Amino acid sequence: MADSVLRDKSKEFAKNIIFLCREMKAEIKEAPIINQMLRSGTSIGANIYEAHYAQSTKDFISKLEIAQKECYETEFWLDILFETGCMSQEKYNKMHNDCGAIRRMLIASLNTVKHKQDEI
């Protein structure tokens, strides 16, 4: 089921964000920005999980749209941290690619749900 793939990917991404932020904080690099990325990066999965228990289609769409916004924010923080030398190319590539994959899955899921809703 595609939904569980999205939940699994977002949960794995959240764990990787936590590990990355923990590592970067240990090196005392830009703590406020790292905290922002930690919040947005873990919020993606939290909203996807929350969407599973949505009270309505509108609520489901809202949760996925919030997760999508958090993806965009996380990509921004990843870019900033990489471009300022706080993150290696290897770590940046992996995290940015993973975040992008989740974002594309969210876009596809939202398009599907909205299209089905329009048919009703």
C-alpha atoms as a PDB file:
ATOM      1  CA  MET A   1       0.000   0.000   0.000  1.00  0.00           C
ATOM      2  CA  ALA A   2       1.512   3.328  -1.104  1.00  0.00           C
ATOM      3  CA  ASP A   3       0.369   5.063   2.065  1.00  0.00           C
ATOM      4  CA  SER A   4       2.477   2.782   4.264  1.00  0.00           C
ATOM      5  CA  VAL A   5       5.509   3.336   2.009  1.00  0.00           C
ATOM      6  CA  LEU A   6       5.126   7.071   2.539  1.00  0.00           C
ATOM      7  CA  ARG A   7       4.760   6.611   6.304  1.00  0.00           C
ATOM      8  CA  ASP A   8       7.788   4.308   6.421  1.00  0.00           C
ATOM      9  CA  LYS A   9       9.944   6.673   4.347  1.00  0.00           C
ATOM     10  CA  SER A  10       8.939   9.685   6.424  1.00  0.00           C
ATOM     11  CA  LYS A  11       9.661   7.858   9.681  1.00  0.00           C
ATOM     12  CA  GLU A  12      13.090   6.760   8.441  1.00  0.00           C
ATOM     13  CA  PHE A  13      13.774  10.306   7.263  1.00  0.00           C
ATOM     14  CA  ALA A  14      12.808  11.707  10.686  1.00  0.00           C
ATOM     15  CA  LYS A  15      15.235   9.329  12.380  1.00  0.00           C
ATOM     16  CA  ASN A  16      17.994  10.314   9.968  1.00  0.00           C
ATOM     17  CA  ILE A  17      17.277  14.012  10.600  1.00  0.00           C
ATOM     18  CA  ILE A  18      17.606  13.387  14.344  1.00  0.00           C
ATOM     19  CA  PHE A  19      20.930  11.577  13.864  1.00  0.00           C
ATOM     20  CA  LEU A  20      22.227  14.313  11.547  1.00  0.00           C
ATOM     21  CA  CYS A  21      21.184  17.138  13.879  1.00  0.00           C
ATOM     22  CA  ARG A  22      22.667  15.349  16.884  1.00  0.00           C
ATOM     23  CA  GLU A  23      25.955  14.959  15.032  1.00  0.00           C
ATOM     24  CA  MET A  24      26.007  18.565  13.866  1.00  0.00           C
ATOM     25  CA  LYS A  25      25.162  19.906  17.329  1.00  0.00           C
ATOM     26  CA  ALA A  26      28.057  17.890  18.774  1.00  0.00           C
ATOM     27  CA  GLU A  27      30.309  19.856  16.460  1.00  0.00           C
ATOM     28  CA  ILE A  28      28.678  23.118  17.669  1.00  0.00           C
ATOM     29  CA  LYS A  29      27.447  24.261  14.274  1.00  0.00           C
ATOM     30  CA  GLU A  30      24.635  26.790  13.936  1.00  0.00           C
ATOM     31  CA  ALA A  31      22.403  25.393  16.691  1.00  0.00           C
ATOM     32  CA  PRO A  32      19.314  27.579  15.978  1.00  0.00           C
ATOM     33  CA  ILE A  33      19.236  26.525  12.317  1.00  0.00           C
ATOM     34  CA  ILE A  34      19.793  22.891  13.249  1.00  0.00           C
ATOM     35  CA  ASN A  35      16.864  23.133  15.674  1.00  0.00           C
ATOM     36  CA  GLN A  36      14.654  24.514  12.890  1.00  0.00           C
ATOM     37  CA  MET A  37      15.631  21.653  10.590  1.00  0.00           C
ATOM     38  CA  LEU A  38      15.025  19.156  13.394  1.00  0.00           C
ATOM     39  CA  ARG A  39      11.493  20.509  13.887  1.00  0.00           C
ATOM     40  CA  SER A  40      10.552  20.667  10.212  1.00  0.00           C
ATOM     41  CA  GLY A  41      12.232  17.366   9.309  1.00  0.00           C
ATOM     42  CA  THR A  42      10.448  15.404  12.013  1.00  0.00           C
ATOM     43  CA  SER A  43       7.153  17.229  11.443  1.00  0.00           C
ATOM     44  CA  ILE A  44       6.890  15.695   7.961  1.00  0.00           C
ATOM     45  CA  GLY A  45       6.397  12.199   9.331  1.00  0.00           C
ATOM     46  CA  ALA A  46       4.241  13.348  12.234  1.00  0.00           C
ATOM     47  CA  ASN A  47       1.763  14.973   9.849  1.00  0.00           C
ATOM     48  CA  ILE A  48       1.764  11.969   7.522  1.00  0.00           C
ATOM     49  CA  TYR A  49       1.024   9.693  10.480  1.00  0.00           C
ATOM     50  CA  GLU A  50      -1.661  12.086  11.688  1.00  0.00           C
ATOM     51  CA  ALA A  51      -3.282  12.095   8.227  1.00  0.00           C
ATOM     52  CA  HIS A  52      -3.863   8.360   8.587  1.00  0.00           C
ATOM     53  CA  TYR A  53      -6.364   9.172  11.338  1.00  0.00           C
ATOM     54  CA  ALA A  54      -7.945  12.183   9.660  1.00  0.00           C
ATOM     55  CA  GLN A  55     -11.561  12.927  10.493  1.00  0.00           C
ATOM     56  CA  SER A  56     -12.461  13.736   6.901  1.00  0.00           C
ATOM     57  CA  THR A  57     -11.016  13.993   3.413  1.00  0.00           C
ATOM     58  CA  LYS A  58     -10.527  17.706   3.977  1.00  0.00           C
ATOM     59  CA  ASP A  59      -8.587  16.998   7.192  1.00  0.00           C
ATOM     60  CA  PHE A  60      -6.524  14.328   5.378  1.00  0.00           C
ATOM     61  CA  ILE A  61      -5.610  16.787   2.626  1.00  0.00           C
ATOM     62  CA  SER A  62      -4.743  19.450   5.178  1.00  0.00           C
ATOM     63  CA  LYS A  63      -2.334  17.150   7.045  1.00  0.00           C
ATOM     64  CA  LEU A  64      -0.600  16.082   3.830  1.00  0.00           C
ATOM     65  CA  GLU A  65      -0.328  19.710   2.695  1.00  0.00           C
ATOM     66  CA  ILE A  66       1.305  20.617   6.009  1.00  0.00           C
ATOM     67  CA  ALA A  67       3.736  17.704   5.562  1.00  0.00           C
ATOM     68  CA  GLN A  68       4.514  18.965   2.059  1.00  0.00           C
ATOM     69  CA  LYS A  69       5.250  22.475   3.382  1.00  0.00           C
ATOM     70  CA  GLU A  70       7.524  20.969   6.029  1.00  0.00           C
ATOM     71  CA  CYS A  71       9.375  19.125   3.249  1.00  0.00           C
ATOM     72  CA  TYR A  72      10.019  22.382   1.443  1.00  0.00           C
ATOM     73  CA  GLU A  73      11.205  24.010   4.664  1.00  0.00           C
ATOM     74  CA  THR A  74      13.507  21.088   5.447  1.00  0.00           C
ATOM     75  CA  GLU A  75      15.002  21.259   1.967  1.00  0.00           C
ATOM     76  CA  PHE A  76      15.673  24.954   2.549  1.00  0.00           C
ATOM     77  CA  TRP A  77      17.526  24.277   5.825  1.00  0.00           C
ATOM     78  CA  LEU A  78      19.496  21.450   4.204  1.00  0.00           C
ATOM     79  CA  ASP A  79      20.528  23.828   1.408  1.00  0.00           C
ATOM     80  CA  ILE A  80      21.546  26.566   3.858  1.00  0.00           C
ATOM     81  CA  LEU A  81      23.547  24.216   6.072  1.00  0.00           C
ATOM     82  CA  PHE A  82      25.304  22.671   3.084  1.00  0.00           C
ATOM     83  CA  GLU A  83      26.021  25.978   1.364  1.00  0.00           C
ATOM     84  CA  THR A  84      27.553  27.392   4.556  1.00  0.00           C
ATOM     85  CA  GLY A  85      29.878  24.430   5.031  1.00  0.00           C
ATOM     86  CA  CYS A  86      28.069  22.848   7.964  1.00  0.00           C
ATOM     87  CA  MET A  87      27.324  19.608   6.135  1.00  0.00           C
ATOM     88  CA  SER A  88      29.299  17.339   3.834  1.00  0.00           C
ATOM     89  CA  GLN A  89      28.302  16.823   0.191  1.00  0.00           C
ATOM     90  CA  GLU A  90      27.614  13.143   0.881  1.00  0.00           C
ATOM     91  CA  LYS A  91      25.233  13.791   3.787  1.00  0.00           C
ATOM     92  CA  TYR A  92      23.563  16.644   1.940  1.00  0.00           C
ATOM     93  CA  ASN A  93      22.953  14.541  -1.174  1.00  0.00           C
ATOM     94  CA  LYS A  94      21.399  11.676   0.781  1.00  0.00           C
ATOM     95  CA  MET A  95      19.160  13.835   2.950  1.00  0.00           C
ATOM     96  CA  HIS A  96      18.131  16.151   0.105  1.00  0.00           C
ATOM     97  CA  ASN A  97      17.318  13.185  -2.162  1.00  0.00           C
ATOM     98  CA  ASP A  98      15.311  11.455   0.571  1.00  0.00           C
ATOM     99  CA  CYS A  99      13.385  14.644   1.364  1.00  0.00           C
ATOM    100  CA  GLY A 100      12.701  15.207  -2.330  1.00  0.00           C
ATOM    101  CA  ALA A 101      11.408  11.656  -2.735  1.00  0.00           C
ATOM    102  CA  ILE A 102       8.978  12.137   0.153  1.00  0.00           C
ATOM    103  CA  ARG A 103       7.861  15.486  -1.270  1.00  0.00           C
ATOM    104  CA  ARG A 104       7.164  13.907  -4.678  1.00  0.00           C
ATOM    105  CA  MET A 105       5.160  11.125  -3.016  1.00  0.00           C
ATOM    106  CA  LEU A 106       3.161  13.726  -1.095  1.00  0.00           C
ATOM    107  CA  ILE A 107       2.457  15.677  -4.277  1.00  0.00           C
ATOM    108  CA  ALA A 108       1.280  12.510  -6.029  1.00  0.00           C
ATOM    109  CA  SER A 109      -0.893  11.512  -3.062  1.00  0.00           C
ATOM    110  CA  LEU A 110      -2.440  14.963  -2.831  1.00  0.00           C
ATOM    111  CA  ASN A 111      -3.144  15.071  -6.559  1.00  0.00           C
ATOM    112  CA  THR A 112      -4.827  11.655  -6.377  1.00  0.00           C
ATOM    113  CA  VAL A 113      -7.004  12.536  -3.386  1.00  0.00           C
ATOM    114  CA  LYS A 114      -7.980  15.925  -4.811  1.00  0.00           C
ATOM    115  CA  HIS A 115      -8.815  14.378  -8.167  1.00  0.00           C
ATOM    116  CA  LYS A 116     -11.015  11.743  -6.502  1.00  0.00           C
ATOM    117  CA  GLN A 117     -12.673  14.446  -4.425  1.00  0.00           C
ATOM    118  CA  ASP A 118     -13.458  16.446  -7.579  1.00  0.00           C
ATOM    119  CA  GLU A 119     -15.166  13.388  -9.079  1.00  0.00           C
ATOM    120  CA  ILE A 120     -17.650  13.171  -6.205  1.00  0.00           C
END
